[in-house]
Structures are given as structure tokens and as C-alpha cells.
Amino acid sequence: MMARVRLDASHVSRPVTARREKITRYIRVLNELSEVRTFRLYSLRLQVLELTVRENIARFLEIS
């Protein structure tokens, strides 16, 4: 069975640390963009639903 080796930050070169930080920032930005996209999608769906309801109410009132 192999032993697990845990390195502290002193064993990691600056470029490796910088790359990890860059990847972490990249993932964070992608997650934020995904949240914004999801919010916009739901917002558009609500707008379509609102217009549909308004049209249905207008038609109902015309018939009555």
C-alpha cells in the first residue's frame, strides 16, 4: 500500500501556485456566468409567461 504524501506550499513552485490560483479564478468566473445565464433565462421565461397571461386575459375580456 502506498503512503500518501502531502506537500505544503513551500514545496510548490510559484508558477504552479499561480496556475492553481488562475484555474480557481477561472472556475469561479464560469460559475458566476452560469448563475447570470440561469437568471436571465428564468427572467425571459417569466416575461413570456407574463405576455401570455396578458394576451389570454385580453382575449377573455373581448369574448365576455
PDB file of N, CA and C in Angstrom:
ATOM      1  N   MET A   1       0.841  -1.172   0.000  1.00  0.00           N
ATOM      2  CA  MET A   1       0.000   0.000   0.000  1.00  0.00           C
ATOM      3  C   MET A   1       0.891   1.241   0.000  1.00  0.00           C
ATOM      4  N   MET A   2       0.576   2.200  -0.893  1.00  0.00           N
ATOM      5  CA  MET A   2       1.417   3.389  -0.986  1.00  0.00           C
ATOM      6  C   MET A   2       1.004   4.421   0.049  1.00  0.00           C
ATOM      7  N   ALA A   3       2.016   5.070   0.603  1.00  0.00           N
ATOM      8  CA  ALA A   3       1.737   6.131   1.568  1.00  0.00           C
ATOM      9  C   ALA A   3       1.345   7.395   0.817  1.00  0.00           C
ATOM     10  N   ARG A   4       0.439   8.141   1.394  1.00  0.00           N
ATOM     11  CA  ARG A   4       0.047   9.407   0.791  1.00  0.00           C
ATOM     12  C   ARG A   4       1.029  10.479   1.230  1.00  0.00           C
ATOM     13  N   VAL A   5       1.440  11.267   0.287  1.00  0.00           N
ATOM     14  CA  VAL A   5       2.380  12.345   0.578  1.00  0.00           C
ATOM     15  C   VAL A   5       1.634  13.659   0.468  1.00  0.00           C
ATOM     16  N   ARG A   6       1.763  14.468   1.469  1.00  0.00           N
ATOM     17  CA  ARG A   6       1.116  15.770   1.471  1.00  0.00           C
ATOM     18  C   ARG A   6       2.196  16.841   1.450  1.00  0.00           C
ATOM     19  N   LEU A   7       2.135  17.692   0.442  1.00  0.00           N
ATOM     20  CA  LEU A   7       3.119  18.758   0.329  1.00  0.00           C
ATOM     21  C   LEU A   7       2.541  20.055   0.860  1.00  0.00           C
ATOM     22  N   ASP A   8       3.355  20.797   1.553  1.00  0.00           N
ATOM     23  CA  ASP A   8       2.896  22.120   1.952  1.00  0.00           C
ATOM     24  C   ASP A   8       3.284  23.113   0.859  1.00  0.00           C
ATOM     25  N   ALA A   9       2.887  24.351   1.023  1.00  0.00           N
ATOM     26  CA  ALA A   9       3.076  25.356  -0.021  1.00  0.00           C
ATOM     27  C   ALA A   9       4.547  25.614  -0.334  1.00  0.00           C
ATOM     28  N   SER A  10       5.430  25.344   0.607  1.00  0.00           N
ATOM     29  CA  SER A  10       6.841  25.618   0.372  1.00  0.00           C
ATOM     30  C   SER A  10       7.444  24.683  -0.674  1.00  0.00           C
ATOM     31  N   HIS A  11       6.799  23.548  -0.934  1.00  0.00           N
ATOM     32  CA  HIS A  11       7.307  22.598  -1.914  1.00  0.00           C
ATOM     33  C   HIS A  11       6.761  22.853  -3.322  1.00  0.00           C
ATOM     34  N   VAL A  12       5.842  23.797  -3.430  1.00  0.00           N
ATOM     35  CA  VAL A  12       5.205  24.069  -4.716  1.00  0.00           C
ATOM     36  C   VAL A  12       5.811  25.339  -5.305  1.00  0.00           C
ATOM     37  N   SER A  13       6.198  25.264  -6.561  1.00  0.00           N
ATOM     38  CA  SER A  13       6.813  26.423  -7.196  1.00  0.00           C
ATOM     39  C   SER A  13       5.779  27.530  -7.408  1.00  0.00           C
ATOM     40  N   ARG A  14       6.268  28.744  -7.576  1.00  0.00           N
ATOM     41  CA  ARG A  14       5.367  29.876  -7.789  1.00  0.00           C
ATOM     42  C   ARG A  14       4.520  29.720  -9.056  1.00  0.00           C
ATOM     43  N   PRO A  15       5.112  29.256 -10.172  1.00  0.00           N
ATOM     44  CA  PRO A  15       4.272  29.075 -11.366  1.00  0.00           C
ATOM     45  C   PRO A  15       3.126  28.084 -11.145  1.00  0.00           C
ATOM     46  N   VAL A  16       3.402  27.032 -10.393  1.00  0.00           N
ATOM     47  CA  VAL A  16       2.345  26.046 -10.118  1.00  0.00           C
ATOM     48  C   VAL A  16       1.265  26.675  -9.257  1.00  0.00           C
ATOM     49  N   THR A  17       1.681  27.424  -8.234  1.00  0.00           N
ATOM     50  CA  THR A  17       0.715  28.100  -7.360  1.00  0.00           C
ATOM     51  C   THR A  17      -0.095  29.112  -8.161  1.00  0.00           C
ATOM     52  N   ALA A  18       0.572  29.877  -9.006  1.00  0.00           N
ATOM     53  CA  ALA A  18      -0.118  30.873  -9.835  1.00  0.00           C
ATOM     54  C   ALA A  18      -1.115  30.198 -10.768  1.00  0.00           C
ATOM     55  N   ARG A  19      -0.725  29.074 -11.346  1.00  0.00           N
ATOM     56  CA  ARG A  19      -1.613  28.334 -12.240  1.00  0.00           C
ATOM     57  C   ARG A  19      -2.845  27.841 -11.482  1.00  0.00           C
ATOM     58  N   ARG A  20      -2.636  27.326 -10.285  1.00  0.00           N
ATOM     59  CA  ARG A  20      -3.774  26.857  -9.479  1.00  0.00           C
ATOM     60  C   ARG A  20      -4.719  28.004  -9.158  1.00  0.00           C
ATOM     61  N   GLU A  21      -4.147  29.159  -8.790  1.00  0.00           N
ATOM     62  CA  GLU A  21      -4.984  30.318  -8.479  1.00  0.00           C
ATOM     63  C   GLU A  21      -5.744  30.785  -9.716  1.00  0.00           C
ATOM     64  N   LYS A  22      -5.081  30.750 -10.866  1.00  0.00           N
ATOM     65  CA  LYS A  22      -5.712  31.164 -12.116  1.00  0.00           C
ATOM     66  C   LYS A  22      -6.866  30.225 -12.452  1.00  0.00           C
ATOM     67  N   ILE A  23      -6.657  28.938 -12.288  1.00  0.00           N
ATOM     68  CA  ILE A  23      -7.710  27.955 -12.560  1.00  0.00           C
ATOM     69  C   ILE A  23      -8.875  28.157 -11.597  1.00  0.00           C
ATOM     70  N   THR A  24      -8.567  28.417 -10.331  1.00  0.00           N
ATOM     71  CA  THR A  24      -9.623  28.655  -9.340  1.00  0.00           C
ATOM     72  C   THR A  24     -10.447  29.881  -9.718  1.00  0.00           C
ATOM     73  N   ARG A  25      -9.770  30.965 -10.117  1.00  0.00           N
ATOM     74  CA  ARG A  25     -10.482  32.177 -10.549  1.00  0.00           C
ATOM     75  C   ARG A  25     -11.329  31.884 -11.781  1.00  0.00           C
ATOM     76  N   TYR A  26     -10.770  31.132 -12.720  1.00  0.00           N
ATOM     77  CA  TYR A  26     -11.480  30.786 -13.955  1.00  0.00           C
ATOM     78  C   TYR A  26     -12.760  30.012 -13.632  1.00  0.00           C
ATOM     79  N   ILE A  27     -12.658  29.036 -12.753  1.00  0.00           N
ATOM     80  CA  ILE A  27     -13.828  28.245 -12.364  1.00  0.00           C
ATOM     81  C   ILE A  27     -14.859  29.130 -11.672  1.00  0.00           C
ATOM     82  N   ARG A  28     -14.399  30.020 -10.799  1.00  0.00           N
ATOM     83  CA  ARG A  28     -15.308  30.924 -10.092  1.00  0.00           C
ATOM     84  C   ARG A  28     -16.056  31.819 -11.092  1.00  0.00           C
ATOM     85  N   VAL A  29     -15.337  32.363 -12.071  1.00  0.00           N
ATOM     86  CA  VAL A  29     -15.967  33.216 -13.080  1.00  0.00           C
ATOM     87  C   VAL A  29     -16.974  32.421 -13.908  1.00  0.00           C
ATOM     88  N   LEU A  30     -16.610  31.209 -14.292  1.00  0.00           N
ATOM     89  CA  LEU A  30     -17.549  30.370 -15.049  1.00  0.00           C
ATOM     90  C   LEU A  30     -18.825  30.100 -14.248  1.00  0.00           C
ATOM     91  N   ASN A  31     -18.674  29.852 -12.956  1.00  0.00           N
ATOM     92  CA  ASN A  31     -19.844  29.619 -12.106  1.00  0.00           C
ATOM     93  C   ASN A  31     -20.721  30.860 -12.028  1.00  0.00           C
ATOM     94  N   GLU A  32     -20.086  32.031 -11.901  1.00  0.00           N
ATOM     95  CA  GLU A  32     -20.854  33.275 -11.841  1.00  0.00           C
ATOM     96  C   GLU A  32     -21.587  33.518 -13.156  1.00  0.00           C
ATOM     97  N   LEU A  33     -20.906  33.272 -14.271  1.00  0.00           N
ATOM     98  CA  LEU A  33     -21.554  33.437 -15.569  1.00  0.00           C
ATOM     99  C   LEU A  33     -22.724  32.475 -15.724  1.00  0.00           C
ATOM    100  N   SER A  34     -22.557  31.277 -15.226  1.00  0.00           N
ATOM    101  CA  SER A  34     -23.626  30.290 -15.291  1.00  0.00           C
ATOM    102  C   SER A  34     -24.838  30.764 -14.488  1.00  0.00           C
ATOM    103  N   GLU A  35     -24.579  31.342 -13.304  1.00  0.00           N
ATOM    104  CA  GLU A  35     -25.674  31.865 -12.477  1.00  0.00           C
ATOM    105  C   GLU A  35     -26.386  33.003 -13.187  1.00  0.00           C
ATOM    106  N   VAL A  36     -25.618  33.895 -13.825  1.00  0.00           N
ATOM    107  CA  VAL A  36     -26.217  35.014 -14.551  1.00  0.00           C
ATOM    108  C   VAL A  36     -27.054  34.505 -15.716  1.00  0.00           C
ATOM    109  N   ARG A  37     -26.499  33.542 -16.454  1.00  0.00           N
ATOM    110  CA  ARG A  37     -27.215  32.979 -17.591  1.00  0.00           C
ATOM    111  C   ARG A  37     -28.522  32.324 -17.128  1.00  0.00           C
ATOM    112  N   THR A  38     -28.450  31.597 -16.025  1.00  0.00           N
ATOM    113  CA  THR A  38     -29.652  30.942 -15.489  1.00  0.00           C
ATOM    114  C   THR A  38     -30.686  31.984 -15.084  1.00  0.00           C
ATOM    115  N   PHE A  39     -30.227  33.054 -14.423  1.00  0.00           N
ATOM    116  CA  PHE A  39     -31.142  34.126 -14.004  1.00  0.00           C
ATOM    117  C   PHE A  39     -31.797  34.768 -15.221  1.00  0.00           C
ATOM    118  N   ARG A  40     -31.008  35.050 -16.249  1.00  0.00           N
ATOM    119  CA  ARG A  40     -31.555  35.671 -17.466  1.00  0.00           C
ATOM    120  C   ARG A  40     -32.560  34.748 -18.142  1.00  0.00           C
ATOM    121  N   LEU A  41     -32.253  33.469 -18.157  1.00  0.00           N
ATOM    122  CA  LEU A  41     -33.164  32.502 -18.767  1.00  0.00           C
ATOM    123  C   LEU A  41     -34.497  32.485 -18.033  1.00  0.00           C
ATOM    124  N   TYR A  42     -34.443  32.430 -16.690  1.00  0.00           N
ATOM    125  CA  TYR A  42     -35.679  32.451 -15.910  1.00  0.00           C
ATOM    126  C   TYR A  42     -36.421  33.769 -16.095  1.00  0.00           C
ATOM    127  N   SER A  43     -35.674  34.858 -16.186  1.00  0.00           N
ATOM    128  CA  SER A  43     -36.290  36.161 -16.389  1.00  0.00           C
ATOM    129  C   SER A  43     -37.026  36.207 -17.727  1.00  0.00           C
ATOM    130  N   LEU A  44     -36.397  35.688 -18.775  1.00  0.00           N
ATOM    131  CA  LEU A  44     -37.057  35.644 -20.082  1.00  0.00           C
ATOM    132  C   LEU A  44     -38.296  34.754 -20.054  1.00  0.00           C
ATOM    133  N   ARG A  45     -38.192  33.633 -19.367  1.00  0.00           N
ATOM    134  CA  ARG A  45     -39.356  32.735 -19.263  1.00  0.00           C
ATOM    135  C   ARG A  45     -40.508  33.434 -18.555  1.00  0.00           C
ATOM    136  N   LEU A  46     -40.191  34.191 -17.501  1.00  0.00           N
ATOM    137  CA  LEU A  46     -41.237  34.923 -16.786  1.00  0.00           C
ATOM    138  C   LEU A  46     -41.867  35.991 -17.669  1.00  0.00           C
ATOM    139  N   GLN A  47     -41.062  36.660 -18.488  1.00  0.00           N
ATOM    140  CA  GLN A  47     -41.593  37.677 -19.397  1.00  0.00           C
ATOM    141  C   GLN A  47     -42.549  37.042 -20.418  1.00  0.00           C
ATOM    142  N   VAL A  48     -42.151  35.891 -20.958  1.00  0.00           N
ATOM    143  CA  VAL A  48     -43.016  35.197 -21.914  1.00  0.00           C
ATOM    144  C   VAL A  48     -44.308  34.776 -21.229  1.00  0.00           C
ATOM    145  N   LEU A  49     -44.206  34.249 -20.032  1.00  0.00           N
ATOM    146  CA  LEU A  49     -45.392  33.834 -19.288  1.00  0.00           C
ATOM    147  C   LEU A  49     -46.305  35.030 -19.013  1.00  0.00           C
ATOM    148  N   GLU A  50     -45.712  36.145 -18.621  1.00  0.00           N
ATOM    149  CA  GLU A  50     -46.494  37.356 -18.358  1.00  0.00           C
ATOM    150  C   GLU A  50     -47.240  37.809 -19.617  1.00  0.00           C
ATOM    151  N   LEU A  51     -46.548  37.836 -20.754  1.00  0.00           N
ATOM    152  CA  LEU A  51     -47.196  38.247 -22.004  1.00  0.00           C
ATOM    153  C   LEU A  51     -48.324  37.300 -22.386  1.00  0.00           C
ATOM    154  N   THR A  52     -48.102  36.008 -22.185  1.00  0.00           N
ATOM    155  CA  THR A  52     -49.129  35.015 -22.499  1.00  0.00           C
ATOM    156  C   THR A  52     -50.364  35.227 -21.631  1.00  0.00           C
ATOM    157  N   VAL A  53     -50.152  35.447 -20.355  1.00  0.00           N
ATOM    158  CA  VAL A  53     -51.278  35.666 -19.438  1.00  0.00           C
ATOM    159  C   VAL A  53     -52.022  36.943 -19.825  1.00  0.00           C
ATOM    160  N   ARG A  54     -51.274  38.003 -20.128  1.00  0.00           N
ATOM    161  CA  ARG A  54     -51.914  39.264 -20.532  1.00  0.00           C
ATOM    162  C   ARG A  54     -52.755  39.067 -21.797  1.00  0.00           C
ATOM    163  N   GLU A  55     -52.214  38.351 -22.771  1.00  0.00           N
ATOM    164  CA  GLU A  55     -52.958  38.098 -24.011  1.00  0.00           C
ATOM    165  C   GLU A  55     -54.211  37.274 -23.736  1.00  0.00           C
ATOM    166  N   ASN A  56     -54.083  36.268 -22.889  1.00  0.00           N
ATOM    167  CA  ASN A  56     -55.245  35.431 -22.560  1.00  0.00           C
ATOM    168  C   ASN A  56     -56.320  36.242 -21.845  1.00  0.00           C
ATOM    169  N   ILE A  57     -55.909  37.106 -20.940  1.00  0.00           N
ATOM    170  CA  ILE A  57     -56.885  37.945 -20.227  1.00  0.00           C
ATOM    171  C   ILE A  57     -57.563  38.889 -21.220  1.00  0.00           C
ATOM    172  N   ALA A  58     -56.784  39.487 -22.123  1.00  0.00           N
ATOM    173  CA  ALA A  58     -57.345  40.405 -23.115  1.00  0.00           C
ATOM    174  C   ALA A  58     -58.350  39.674 -23.997  1.00  0.00           C
ATOM    175  N   ARG A  59     -58.039  38.467 -24.439  1.00  0.00           N
ATOM    176  CA  ARG A  59     -58.965  37.680 -25.273  1.00  0.00           C
ATOM    177  C   ARG A  59     -60.232  37.341 -24.489  1.00  0.00           C
ATOM    178  N   PHE A  60     -60.048  36.952 -23.231  1.00  0.00           N
ATOM    179  CA  PHE A  60     -61.202  36.598 -22.393  1.00  0.00           C
ATOM    180  C   PHE A  60     -62.132  37.790 -22.235  1.00  0.00           C
ATOM    181  N   LEU A  61     -61.551  38.980 -22.028  1.00  0.00           N
ATOM    182  CA  LEU A  61     -62.375  40.170 -21.852  1.00  0.00           C
ATOM    183  C   LEU A  61     -63.076  40.574 -23.153  1.00  0.00           C
ATOM    184  N   GLU A  62     -62.446  40.296 -24.295  1.00  0.00           N
ATOM    185  CA  GLU A  62     -63.083  40.596 -25.576  1.00  0.00           C
ATOM    186  C   GLU A  62     -64.283  39.695 -25.817  1.00  0.00           C
ATOM    187  N   ILE A  63     -64.163  38.441 -25.395  1.00  0.00           N
ATOM    188  CA  ILE A  63     -65.233  37.470 -25.610  1.00  0.00           C
ATOM    189  C   ILE A  63     -66.409  37.770 -24.687  1.00  0.00           C
ATOM    190  N   SER A  64     -66.109  38.192 -23.481  1.00  0.00           N
ATOM    191  CA  SER A  64     -67.169  38.408 -22.482  1.00  0.00           C
ATOM    192  C   SER A  64     -68.067  39.552 -22.794  1.00  0.00           C
TER     193      SER A  64
END
